[in-house]
Each structure stands twice: as C-alpha cells, then as structure tokens.
Amino acid sequence: MKIELKKWSFKDKEFLIKMCNTIDRNYLSDRLPNPYTNESAKWWLNMVKENDEKKGVFRKIVVDGKIIGTISVEQKEDVYRKDSEIGYYLLQEVYSKGIMTEAV
C-alpha cells in the first residue's frame, strides 16, 4: 500500500464534494458543512490555496493513487501562545489500516 500526502488542487473539487458527503460525521466537528456543496468546496480550496504553508499545511491523503481522505495541521492563535491542531478524515472503507498513523 503506497500512502502519499499531496497538495489539494481545484481539479479535486468534484471528488472533494463526493467524499465530504459520504464520510462518517460521527466524530467530526460541525465545521464541515452538511451537505457539502460546490460553494463549500470552492471556499475550502481557496482557503487552502491562500493559507497552505503560511498558516497551516493541508494535504489530501492518497493511497495507491486514490484520494481517501485529508489531513491538515492548522496554526491556532491566542493571547499567550501559538499552537497547532491536527485535523483529518478518512473514507470509512479504509478505517483501521494504519493509514492515519502513517499520514501523521
């Protein structure tokens, strides 16, 4: 199994919409719109383009050439310090295969 982290692009928009509408939302924050629309995808991909490697790192997780999820490390700010938060999701069909451990 070949696991790669690759930059998101606007070519991925249709798959991003499909994936975000099929993932298991039981463990996700309410930050991810439901349903995930074309506008949602455009907003997120523009945010990634503007902030990648500046305020965070945003990558699609690709296994054997297929996008199966996403992972990000986003910088958080408050009055006292700066820290980061890791966020991710995977398609349910690839749970428990060690993919996220490798991606992190």
PDB file of N, CA and C in Angstrom:
ATOM      1  N   MET A   1       0.852  -1.171   0.000  1.00  0.00           N
ATOM      2  CA  MET A   1       0.000   0.000   0.000  1.00  0.00           C
ATOM      3  C   MET A   1       0.900   1.237   0.000  1.00  0.00           C
ATOM      4  N   LYS A   2       0.722   2.112  -0.974  1.00  0.00           N
ATOM      5  CA  LYS A   2       1.508   3.331  -1.089  1.00  0.00           C
ATOM      6  C   LYS A   2       0.669   4.512  -0.594  1.00  0.00           C
ATOM      7  N   ILE A   3       1.124   5.150   0.491  1.00  0.00           N
ATOM      8  CA  ILE A   3       0.425   6.284   1.089  1.00  0.00           C
ATOM      9  C   ILE A   3       1.202   7.557   0.768  1.00  0.00           C
ATOM     10  N   GLU A   4       0.506   8.538   0.197  1.00  0.00           N
ATOM     11  CA  GLU A   4       1.137   9.810  -0.153  1.00  0.00           C
ATOM     12  C   GLU A   4       0.294  10.964   0.374  1.00  0.00           C
ATOM     13  N   LEU A   5       0.956  12.051   0.740  1.00  0.00           N
ATOM     14  CA  LEU A   5       0.286  13.296   1.084  1.00  0.00           C
ATOM     15  C   LEU A   5       0.577  14.273  -0.044  1.00  0.00           C
ATOM     16  N   LYS A   6      -0.483  14.748  -0.693  1.00  0.00           N
ATOM     17  CA  LYS A   6      -0.313  15.629  -1.843  1.00  0.00           C
ATOM     18  C   LYS A   6      -1.122  16.901  -1.658  1.00  0.00           C
ATOM     19  N   LYS A   7      -0.678  17.966  -2.299  1.00  0.00           N
ATOM     20  CA  LYS A   7      -1.402  19.234  -2.236  1.00  0.00           C
ATOM     21  C   LYS A   7      -2.750  19.113  -2.939  1.00  0.00           C
ATOM     22  N   TRP A   8      -3.743  19.777  -2.355  1.00  0.00           N
ATOM     23  CA  TRP A   8      -5.062  19.849  -2.984  1.00  0.00           C
ATOM     24  C   TRP A   8      -5.007  20.807  -4.169  1.00  0.00           C
ATOM     25  N   SER A   9      -5.841  20.550  -5.164  1.00  0.00           N
ATOM     26  CA  SER A   9      -5.960  21.471  -6.294  1.00  0.00           C
ATOM     27  C   SER A   9      -7.431  21.570  -6.691  1.00  0.00           C
ATOM     28  N   PHE A  10      -7.727  22.551  -7.493  1.00  0.00           N
ATOM     29  CA  PHE A  10      -9.113  22.728  -7.933  1.00  0.00           C
ATOM     30  C   PHE A  10      -9.580  21.571  -8.814  1.00  0.00           C
ATOM     31  N   LYS A  11      -8.657  20.790  -9.352  1.00  0.00           N
ATOM     32  CA  LYS A  11      -9.028  19.598 -10.121  1.00  0.00           C
ATOM     33  C   LYS A  11      -9.693  18.554  -9.229  1.00  0.00           C
ATOM     34  N   ASP A  12      -9.468  18.647  -7.925  1.00  0.00           N
ATOM     35  CA  ASP A  12     -10.005  17.672  -6.965  1.00  0.00           C
ATOM     36  C   ASP A  12     -11.397  18.043  -6.459  1.00  0.00           C
ATOM     37  N   LYS A  13     -11.950  19.148  -6.926  1.00  0.00           N
ATOM     38  CA  LYS A  13     -13.191  19.681  -6.351  1.00  0.00           C
ATOM     39  C   LYS A  13     -14.341  18.687  -6.361  1.00  0.00           C
ATOM     40  N   GLU A  14     -14.607  18.050  -7.481  1.00  0.00           N
ATOM     41  CA  GLU A  14     -15.749  17.132  -7.553  1.00  0.00           C
ATOM     42  C   GLU A  14     -15.567  15.941  -6.618  1.00  0.00           C
ATOM     43  N   PHE A  15     -14.360  15.419  -6.519  1.00  0.00           N
ATOM     44  CA  PHE A  15     -14.130  14.314  -5.602  1.00  0.00           C
ATOM     45  C   PHE A  15     -14.255  14.785  -4.159  1.00  0.00           C
ATOM     46  N   LEU A  16     -13.759  15.972  -3.863  1.00  0.00           N
ATOM     47  CA  LEU A  16     -13.872  16.530  -2.519  1.00  0.00           C
ATOM     48  C   LEU A  16     -15.339  16.613  -2.103  1.00  0.00           C
ATOM     49  N   ILE A  17     -16.188  17.095  -2.978  1.00  0.00           N
ATOM     50  CA  ILE A  17     -17.627  17.191  -2.685  1.00  0.00           C
ATOM     51  C   ILE A  17     -18.204  15.810  -2.408  1.00  0.00           C
ATOM     52  N   LYS A  18     -17.898  14.865  -3.272  1.00  0.00           N
ATOM     53  CA  LYS A  18     -18.407  13.499  -3.095  1.00  0.00           C
ATOM     54  C   LYS A  18     -17.920  12.907  -1.776  1.00  0.00           C
ATOM     55  N   MET A  19     -16.632  13.054  -1.500  1.00  0.00           N
ATOM     56  CA  MET A  19     -16.063  12.487  -0.282  1.00  0.00           C
ATOM     57  C   MET A  19     -16.689  13.118   0.963  1.00  0.00           C
ATOM     58  N   CYS A  20     -16.823  14.427   0.972  1.00  0.00           N
ATOM     59  CA  CYS A  20     -17.355  15.114   2.152  1.00  0.00           C
ATOM     60  C   CYS A  20     -18.832  14.799   2.388  1.00  0.00           C
ATOM     61  N   ASN A  21     -19.517  14.362   1.367  1.00  0.00           N
ATOM     62  CA  ASN A  21     -20.916  13.990   1.524  1.00  0.00           C
ATOM     63  C   ASN A  21     -21.101  12.519   1.870  1.00  0.00           C
ATOM     64  N   THR A  22     -20.013  11.736   1.879  1.00  0.00           N
ATOM     65  CA  THR A  22     -20.139  10.310   2.197  1.00  0.00           C
ATOM     66  C   THR A  22     -19.385   9.888   3.452  1.00  0.00           C
ATOM     67  N   ILE A  23     -18.546  10.760   4.020  1.00  0.00           N
ATOM     68  CA  ILE A  23     -17.764  10.368   5.195  1.00  0.00           C
ATOM     69  C   ILE A  23     -18.650  10.242   6.425  1.00  0.00           C
ATOM     70  N   ASP A  24     -18.179   9.465   7.379  1.00  0.00           N
ATOM     71  CA  ASP A  24     -18.860   9.281   8.656  1.00  0.00           C
ATOM     72  C   ASP A  24     -18.654  10.546   9.486  1.00  0.00           C
ATOM     73  N   ARG A  25     -19.717  11.238   9.806  1.00  0.00           N
ATOM     74  CA  ARG A  25     -19.630  12.514  10.525  1.00  0.00           C
ATOM     75  C   ARG A  25     -19.734  12.367  12.044  1.00  0.00           C
ATOM     76  N   ASN A  26     -19.788  11.166  12.544  1.00  0.00           N
ATOM     77  CA  ASN A  26     -19.957  10.968  13.985  1.00  0.00           C
ATOM     78  C   ASN A  26     -18.849  11.588  14.815  1.00  0.00           C
ATOM     79  N   TYR A  27     -17.654  11.682  14.278  1.00  0.00           N
ATOM     80  CA  TYR A  27     -16.521  12.180  15.052  1.00  0.00           C
ATOM     81  C   TYR A  27     -15.966  13.490  14.506  1.00  0.00           C
ATOM     82  N   LEU A  28     -16.702  14.132  13.623  1.00  0.00           N
ATOM     83  CA  LEU A  28     -16.229  15.389  13.042  1.00  0.00           C
ATOM     84  C   LEU A  28     -16.878  16.583  13.727  1.00  0.00           C
ATOM     85  N   SER A  29     -16.177  17.705  13.685  1.00  0.00           N
ATOM     86  CA  SER A  29     -16.768  18.932  14.221  1.00  0.00           C
ATOM     87  C   SER A  29     -17.861  19.409  13.266  1.00  0.00           C
ATOM     88  N   ASP A  30     -18.666  20.307  13.746  1.00  0.00           N
ATOM     89  CA  ASP A  30     -19.729  20.879  12.922  1.00  0.00           C
ATOM     90  C   ASP A  30     -19.189  21.869  11.901  1.00  0.00           C
ATOM     91  N   ARG A  31     -17.893  22.040  11.892  1.00  0.00           N
ATOM     92  CA  ARG A  31     -17.237  22.979  10.982  1.00  0.00           C
ATOM     93  C   ARG A  31     -17.379  22.554   9.514  1.00  0.00           C
ATOM     94  N   LEU A  32     -17.538  21.261   9.278  1.00  0.00           N
ATOM     95  CA  LEU A  32     -17.674  20.753   7.920  1.00  0.00           C
ATOM     96  C   LEU A  32     -19.138  20.860   7.500  1.00  0.00           C
ATOM     97  N   PRO A  33     -19.439  21.669   6.474  1.00  0.00           N
ATOM     98  CA  PRO A  33     -20.834  21.851   6.064  1.00  0.00           C
ATOM     99  C   PRO A  33     -21.508  20.542   5.654  1.00  0.00           C
ATOM    100  N   ASN A  34     -22.787  20.469   5.926  1.00  0.00           N
ATOM    101  CA  ASN A  34     -23.580  19.298   5.548  1.00  0.00           C
ATOM    102  C   ASN A  34     -24.938  19.779   5.063  1.00  0.00           C
ATOM    103  N   PRO A  35     -25.271  19.604   3.802  1.00  0.00           N
ATOM    104  CA  PRO A  35     -24.489  18.914   2.782  1.00  0.00           C
ATOM    105  C   PRO A  35     -23.303  19.764   2.325  1.00  0.00           C
ATOM    106  N   TYR A  36     -22.311  19.074   1.795  1.00  0.00           N
ATOM    107  CA  TYR A  36     -21.113  19.736   1.285  1.00  0.00           C
ATOM    108  C   TYR A  36     -21.371  20.077  -0.174  1.00  0.00           C
ATOM    109  N   THR A  37     -21.405  21.350  -0.486  1.00  0.00           N
ATOM    110  CA  THR A  37     -21.820  21.830  -1.800  1.00  0.00           C
ATOM    111  C   THR A  37     -20.634  22.289  -2.645  1.00  0.00           C
ATOM    112  N   ASN A  38     -20.918  22.635  -3.865  1.00  0.00           N
ATOM    113  CA  ASN A  38     -19.920  23.212  -4.760  1.00  0.00           C
ATOM    114  C   ASN A  38     -19.324  24.474  -4.130  1.00  0.00           C
ATOM    115  N   GLU A  39     -20.176  25.307  -3.530  1.00  0.00           N
ATOM    116  CA  GLU A  39     -19.694  26.527  -2.874  1.00  0.00           C
ATOM    117  C   GLU A  39     -18.792  26.204  -1.685  1.00  0.00           C
ATOM    118  N   SER A  40     -19.148  25.163  -0.928  1.00  0.00           N
ATOM    119  CA  SER A  40     -18.307  24.736   0.199  1.00  0.00           C
ATOM    120  C   SER A  40     -16.918  24.352  -0.294  1.00  0.00           C
ATOM    121  N   ALA A  41     -16.875  23.573  -1.352  1.00  0.00           N
ATOM    122  CA  ALA A  41     -15.600  23.108  -1.898  1.00  0.00           C
ATOM    123  C   ALA A  41     -14.774  24.269  -2.443  1.00  0.00           C
ATOM    124  N   LYS A  42     -15.421  25.177  -3.153  1.00  0.00           N
ATOM    125  CA  LYS A  42     -14.702  26.338  -3.688  1.00  0.00           C
ATOM    126  C   LYS A  42     -14.128  27.177  -2.559  1.00  0.00           C
ATOM    127  N   TRP A  43     -14.914  27.406  -1.502  1.00  0.00           N
ATOM    128  CA  TRP A  43     -14.430  28.192  -0.365  1.00  0.00           C
ATOM    129  C   TRP A  43     -13.208  27.511   0.256  1.00  0.00           C
ATOM    130  N   TRP A  44     -13.316  26.195   0.510  1.00  0.00           N
ATOM    131  CA  TRP A  44     -12.237  25.480   1.188  1.00  0.00           C
ATOM    132  C   TRP A  44     -10.974  25.441   0.329  1.00  0.00           C
ATOM    133  N   LEU A  45     -11.112  25.154  -0.956  1.00  0.00           N
ATOM    134  CA  LEU A  45      -9.939  25.088  -1.831  1.00  0.00           C
ATOM    135  C   LEU A  45      -9.266  26.455  -1.954  1.00  0.00           C
ATOM    136  N   ASN A  46     -10.052  27.528  -1.975  1.00  0.00           N
ATOM    137  CA  ASN A  46      -9.461  28.872  -1.978  1.00  0.00           C
ATOM    138  C   ASN A  46      -8.748  29.163  -0.667  1.00  0.00           C
ATOM    139  N   MET A  47      -9.353  28.745   0.468  1.00  0.00           N
ATOM    140  CA  MET A  47      -8.714  28.936   1.762  1.00  0.00           C
ATOM    141  C   MET A  47      -7.389  28.189   1.811  1.00  0.00           C
ATOM    142  N   VAL A  48      -7.381  26.953   1.306  1.00  0.00           N
ATOM    143  CA  VAL A  48      -6.146  26.160   1.276  1.00  0.00           C
ATOM    144  C   VAL A  48      -5.100  26.857   0.419  1.00  0.00           C
ATOM    145  N   LYS A  49      -5.492  27.314  -0.746  1.00  0.00           N
ATOM    146  CA  LYS A  49      -4.551  27.992  -1.651  1.00  0.00           C
ATOM    147  C   LYS A  49      -3.927  29.212  -0.973  1.00  0.00           C
ATOM    148  N   GLU A  50      -4.733  29.957  -0.241  1.00  0.00           N
ATOM    149  CA  GLU A  50      -4.263  31.176   0.407  1.00  0.00           C
ATOM    150  C   GLU A  50      -3.407  30.894   1.653  1.00  0.00           C
ATOM    151  N   ASN A  51      -3.708  29.827   2.392  1.00  0.00           N
ATOM    152  CA  ASN A  51      -3.076  29.605   3.691  1.00  0.00           C
ATOM    153  C   ASN A  51      -2.054  28.477   3.753  1.00  0.00           C
ATOM    154  N   ASP A  52      -1.999  27.633   2.729  1.00  0.00           N
ATOM    155  CA  ASP A  52      -1.093  26.486   2.780  1.00  0.00           C
ATOM    156  C   ASP A  52       0.351  26.945   2.919  1.00  0.00           C
ATOM    157  N   GLU A  53       1.007  26.362   3.908  1.00  0.00           N
ATOM    158  CA  GLU A  53       2.399  26.644   4.249  1.00  0.00           C
ATOM    159  C   GLU A  53       2.608  28.053   4.800  1.00  0.00           C
ATOM    160  N   LYS A  54       1.519  28.742   5.128  1.00  0.00           N
ATOM    161  CA  LYS A  54       1.589  30.038   5.806  1.00  0.00           C
ATOM    162  C   LYS A  54       0.969  29.923   7.187  1.00  0.00           C
ATOM    163  N   LYS A  55      -0.286  29.444   7.227  1.00  0.00           N
ATOM    164  CA  LYS A  55      -0.997  29.268   8.495  1.00  0.00           C
ATOM    165  C   LYS A  55      -1.314  27.810   8.756  1.00  0.00           C
ATOM    166  N   GLY A  56      -0.799  26.951   7.917  1.00  0.00           N
ATOM    167  CA  GLY A  56      -1.047  25.532   8.090  1.00  0.00           C
ATOM    168  C   GLY A  56      -0.545  24.732   6.908  1.00  0.00           C
ATOM    169  N   VAL A  57      -0.746  23.435   7.011  1.00  0.00           N
ATOM    170  CA  VAL A  57      -0.404  22.512   5.934  1.00  0.00           C
ATOM    171  C   VAL A  57      -1.654  21.684   5.684  1.00  0.00           C
ATOM    172  N   PHE A  58      -2.104  21.641   4.447  1.00  0.00           N
ATOM    173  CA  PHE A  58      -3.349  20.978   4.073  1.00  0.00           C
ATOM    174  C   PHE A  58      -3.043  19.992   2.953  1.00  0.00           C
ATOM    175  N   ARG A  59      -3.285  18.710   3.194  1.00  0.00           N
ATOM    176  CA  ARG A  59      -2.938  17.702   2.196  1.00  0.00           C
ATOM    177  C   ARG A  59      -4.064  16.692   2.020  1.00  0.00           C
ATOM    178  N   LYS A  60      -4.199  16.221   0.793  1.00  0.00           N
ATOM    179  CA  LYS A  60      -5.080  15.080   0.548  1.00  0.00           C
ATOM    180  C   LYS A  60      -4.266  13.830   0.828  1.00  0.00           C
ATOM    181  N   ILE A  61      -4.943  12.807   1.309  1.00  0.00           N
ATOM    182  CA  ILE A  61      -4.288  11.523   1.564  1.00  0.00           C
ATOM    183  C   ILE A  61      -4.619  10.630   0.385  1.00  0.00           C
ATOM    184  N   VAL A  62      -3.587  10.152  -0.286  1.00  0.00           N
ATOM    185  CA  VAL A  62      -3.742   9.335  -1.484  1.00  0.00           C
ATOM    186  C   VAL A  62      -3.145   7.958  -1.203  1.00  0.00           C
ATOM    187  N   VAL A  63      -3.946   6.938  -1.419  1.00  0.00           N
ATOM    188  CA  VAL A  63      -3.485   5.563  -1.232  1.00  0.00           C
ATOM    189  C   VAL A  63      -3.619   4.837  -2.565  1.00  0.00           C
ATOM    190  N   ASP A  64      -2.496   4.336  -3.037  1.00  0.00           N
ATOM    191  CA  ASP A  64      -2.463   3.616  -4.316  1.00  0.00           C
ATOM    192  C   ASP A  64      -3.158   4.408  -5.429  1.00  0.00           C
ATOM    193  N   GLY A  65      -2.915   5.731  -5.440  1.00  0.00           N
ATOM    194  CA  GLY A  65      -3.427   6.595  -6.494  1.00  0.00           C
ATOM    195  C   GLY A  65      -4.845   7.106  -6.293  1.00  0.00           C
ATOM    196  N   LYS A  66      -5.515   6.744  -5.195  1.00  0.00           N
ATOM    197  CA  LYS A  66      -6.899   7.159  -4.951  1.00  0.00           C
ATOM    198  C   LYS A  66      -6.959   8.061  -3.713  1.00  0.00           C
ATOM    199  N   ILE A  67      -7.660   9.195  -3.827  1.00  0.00           N
ATOM    200  CA  ILE A  67      -7.857  10.078  -2.681  1.00  0.00           C
ATOM    201  C   ILE A  67      -8.795   9.375  -1.703  1.00  0.00           C
ATOM    202  N   ILE A  68      -8.350   9.254  -0.442  1.00  0.00           N
ATOM    203  CA  ILE A  68      -9.181   8.560   0.545  1.00  0.00           C
ATOM    204  C   ILE A  68      -9.424   9.416   1.786  1.00  0.00           C
ATOM    205  N   GLY A  69      -8.893  10.634   1.801  1.00  0.00           N
ATOM    206  CA  GLY A  69      -9.105  11.487   2.960  1.00  0.00           C
ATOM    207  C   GLY A  69      -8.285  12.755   2.892  1.00  0.00           C
ATOM    208  N   THR A  70      -8.247  13.444   4.000  1.00  0.00           N
ATOM    209  CA  THR A  70      -7.498  14.692   4.099  1.00  0.00           C
ATOM    210  C   THR A  70      -6.885  14.814   5.484  1.00  0.00           C
ATOM    211  N   ILE A  71      -5.796  15.550   5.561  1.00  0.00           N
ATOM    212  CA  ILE A  71      -5.152  15.832   6.840  1.00  0.00           C
ATOM    213  C   ILE A  71      -4.637  17.268   6.791  1.00  0.00           C
ATOM    214  N   SER A  72      -4.734  17.941   7.923  1.00  0.00           N
ATOM    215  CA  SER A  72      -4.213  19.304   7.999  1.00  0.00           C
ATOM    216  C   SER A  72      -3.616  19.541   9.370  1.00  0.00           C
ATOM    217  N   VAL A  73      -2.665  20.445   9.402  1.00  0.00           N
ATOM    218  CA  VAL A  73      -2.123  20.960  10.644  1.00  0.00           C
ATOM    219  C   VAL A  73      -2.321  22.462  10.542  1.00  0.00           C
ATOM    220  N   GLU A  74      -3.209  22.995  11.378  1.00  0.00           N
ATOM    221  CA  GLU A  74      -3.550  24.409  11.303  1.00  0.00           C
ATOM    222  C   GLU A  74      -3.029  25.147  12.525  1.00  0.00           C
ATOM    223  N   GLN A  75      -2.380  26.258  12.271  1.00  0.00           N
ATOM    224  CA  GLN A  75      -1.871  27.097  13.348  1.00  0.00           C
ATOM    225  C   GLN A  75      -3.045  27.792  14.031  1.00  0.00           C
ATOM    226  N   LYS A  76      -3.055  27.753  15.344  1.00  0.00           N
ATOM    227  CA  LYS A  76      -4.064  28.451  16.136  1.00  0.00           C
ATOM    228  C   LYS A  76      -3.372  29.594  16.875  1.00  0.00           C
ATOM    229  N   GLU A  77      -4.117  30.633  17.150  1.00  0.00           N
ATOM    230  CA  GLU A  77      -3.527  31.784  17.834  1.00  0.00           C
ATOM    231  C   GLU A  77      -4.392  32.169  19.018  1.00  0.00           C
ATOM    232  N   ASP A  78      -3.736  32.582  20.088  1.00  0.00           N
ATOM    233  CA  ASP A  78      -4.438  33.197  21.194  1.00  0.00           C
ATOM    234  C   ASP A  78      -3.506  34.221  21.829  1.00  0.00           C
ATOM    235  N   VAL A  79      -3.895  34.763  22.916  1.00  0.00           N
ATOM    236  CA  VAL A  79      -3.154  35.857  23.522  1.00  0.00           C
ATOM    237  C   VAL A  79      -1.776  35.420  24.022  1.00  0.00           C
ATOM    238  N   TYR A  80      -1.660  34.178  24.483  1.00  0.00           N
ATOM    239  CA  TYR A  80      -0.453  33.753  25.175  1.00  0.00           C
ATOM    240  C   TYR A  80       0.531  32.962  24.344  1.00  0.00           C
ATOM    241  N   ARG A  81       0.076  32.223  23.385  1.00  0.00           N
ATOM    242  CA  ARG A  81       0.986  31.351  22.643  1.00  0.00           C
ATOM    243  C   ARG A  81       0.361  30.958  21.304  1.00  0.00           C
ATOM    244  N   LYS A  82       1.170  30.328  20.494  1.00  0.00           N
ATOM    245  CA  LYS A  82       0.687  29.773  19.238  1.00  0.00           C
ATOM    246  C   LYS A  82       0.814  28.268  19.330  1.00  0.00           C
ATOM    247  N   ASP A  83      -0.189  27.595  18.856  1.00  0.00           N
ATOM    248  CA  ASP A  83      -0.130  26.140  18.815  1.00  0.00           C
ATOM    249  C   ASP A  83      -0.816  25.681  17.537  1.00  0.00           C
ATOM    250  N   SER A  84      -0.830  24.397  17.313  1.00  0.00           N
ATOM    251  CA  SER A  84      -1.420  23.859  16.093  1.00  0.00           C
ATOM    252  C   SER A  84      -2.397  22.752  16.431  1.00  0.00           C
ATOM    253  N   GLU A  85      -3.257  22.485  15.485  1.00  0.00           N
ATOM    254  CA  GLU A  85      -4.274  21.452  15.639  1.00  0.00           C
ATOM    255  C   GLU A  85      -4.230  20.554  14.406  1.00  0.00           C
ATOM    256  N   ILE A  86      -4.215  19.257  14.637  1.00  0.00           N
ATOM    257  CA  ILE A  86      -4.271  18.302  13.533  1.00  0.00           C
ATOM    258  C   ILE A  86      -5.726  17.924  13.305  1.00  0.00           C
ATOM    259  N   GLY A  87      -6.148  17.997  12.074  1.00  0.00           N
ATOM    260  CA  GLY A  87      -7.491  17.575  11.701  1.00  0.00           C
ATOM    261  C   GLY A  87      -7.398  16.604  10.536  1.00  0.00           C
ATOM    262  N   TYR A  88      -8.313  15.648  10.496  1.00  0.00           N
ATOM    263  CA  TYR A  88      -8.284  14.688   9.400  1.00  0.00           C
ATOM    264  C   TYR A  88      -9.626  13.990   9.273  1.00  0.00           C
ATOM    265  N   TYR A  89      -9.832  13.392   8.129  1.00  0.00           N
ATOM    266  CA  TYR A  89     -10.906  12.425   7.973  1.00  0.00           C
ATOM    267  C   TYR A  89     -10.545  11.469   6.856  1.00  0.00           C
ATOM    268  N   LEU A  90     -11.087  10.289   6.978  1.00  0.00           N
ATOM    269  CA  LEU A  90     -10.866   9.214   6.009  1.00  0.00           C
ATOM    270  C   LEU A  90     -12.201   8.654   5.567  1.00  0.00           C
ATOM    271  N   LEU A  91     -12.219   8.109   4.375  1.00  0.00           N
ATOM    272  CA  LEU A  91     -13.388   7.341   3.959  1.00  0.00           C
ATOM    273  C   LEU A  91     -13.490   6.104   4.850  1.00  0.00           C
ATOM    274  N   GLN A  92     -14.681   5.741   5.225  1.00  0.00           N
ATOM    275  CA  GLN A  92     -14.895   4.646   6.169  1.00  0.00           C
ATOM    276  C   GLN A  92     -14.322   3.319   5.676  1.00  0.00           C
ATOM    277  N   GLU A  93     -14.301   3.111   4.385  1.00  0.00           N
ATOM    278  CA  GLU A  93     -13.805   1.840   3.832  1.00  0.00           C
ATOM    279  C   GLU A  93     -12.319   1.596   4.100  1.00  0.00           C
ATOM    280  N   VAL A  94     -11.585   2.638   4.527  1.00  0.00           N
ATOM    281  CA  VAL A  94     -10.151   2.459   4.782  1.00  0.00           C
ATOM    282  C   VAL A  94      -9.784   2.607   6.254  1.00  0.00           C
ATOM    283  N   TYR A  95     -10.777   2.596   7.127  1.00  0.00           N
ATOM    284  CA  TYR A  95     -10.507   2.647   8.568  1.00  0.00           C
ATOM    285  C   TYR A  95      -9.666   1.439   8.991  1.00  0.00           C
ATOM    286  N   SER A  96      -8.907   1.602  10.042  1.00  0.00           N
ATOM    287  CA  SER A  96      -8.166   0.535  10.726  1.00  0.00           C
ATOM    288  C   SER A  96      -7.135  -0.173   9.848  1.00  0.00           C
ATOM    289  N   LYS A  97      -6.495   0.595   8.978  1.00  0.00           N
ATOM    290  CA  LYS A  97      -5.452   0.033   8.133  1.00  0.00           C
ATOM    291  C   LYS A  97      -4.098   0.700   8.378  1.00  0.00           C
ATOM    292  N   GLY A  98      -4.004   1.548   9.403  1.00  0.00           N
ATOM    293  CA  GLY A  98      -2.756   2.224   9.723  1.00  0.00           C
ATOM    294  C   GLY A  98      -2.459   3.439   8.858  1.00  0.00           C
ATOM    295  N   ILE A  99      -3.414   3.841   8.029  1.00  0.00           N
ATOM    296  CA  ILE A  99      -3.189   4.951   7.098  1.00  0.00           C
ATOM    297  C   ILE A  99      -2.987   6.259   7.852  1.00  0.00           C
ATOM    298  N   MET A 100      -3.846   6.541   8.825  1.00  0.00           N
ATOM    299  CA  MET A 100      -3.730   7.815   9.525  1.00  0.00           C
ATOM    300  C   MET A 100      -2.470   7.857  10.372  1.00  0.00           C
ATOM    301  N   THR A 101      -2.089   6.761  10.969  1.00  0.00           N
ATOM    302  CA  THR A 101      -0.841   6.724  11.728  1.00  0.00           C
ATOM    303  C   THR A 101       0.327   7.101  10.825  1.00  0.00           C
ATOM    304  N   GLU A 102       0.355   6.555   9.643  1.00  0.00           N
ATOM    305  CA  GLU A 102       1.417   6.863   8.679  1.00  0.00           C
ATOM    306  C   GLU A 102       1.332   8.315   8.203  1.00  0.00           C
ATOM    307  N   ALA A 103       0.123   8.804   7.958  1.00  0.00           N
ATOM    308  CA  ALA A 103      -0.051  10.180   7.472  1.00  0.00           C
ATOM    309  C   ALA A 103       0.438  11.181   8.499  1.00  0.00           C
ATOM    310  N   VAL A 104       0.122  10.963   9.760  1.00  0.00           N
ATOM    311  CA  VAL A 104       0.555  11.890  10.823  1.00  0.00           C
ATOM    312  C   VAL A 104       2.070  11.870  10.916  1.00  0.00           C
TER     313      VAL A 104
END
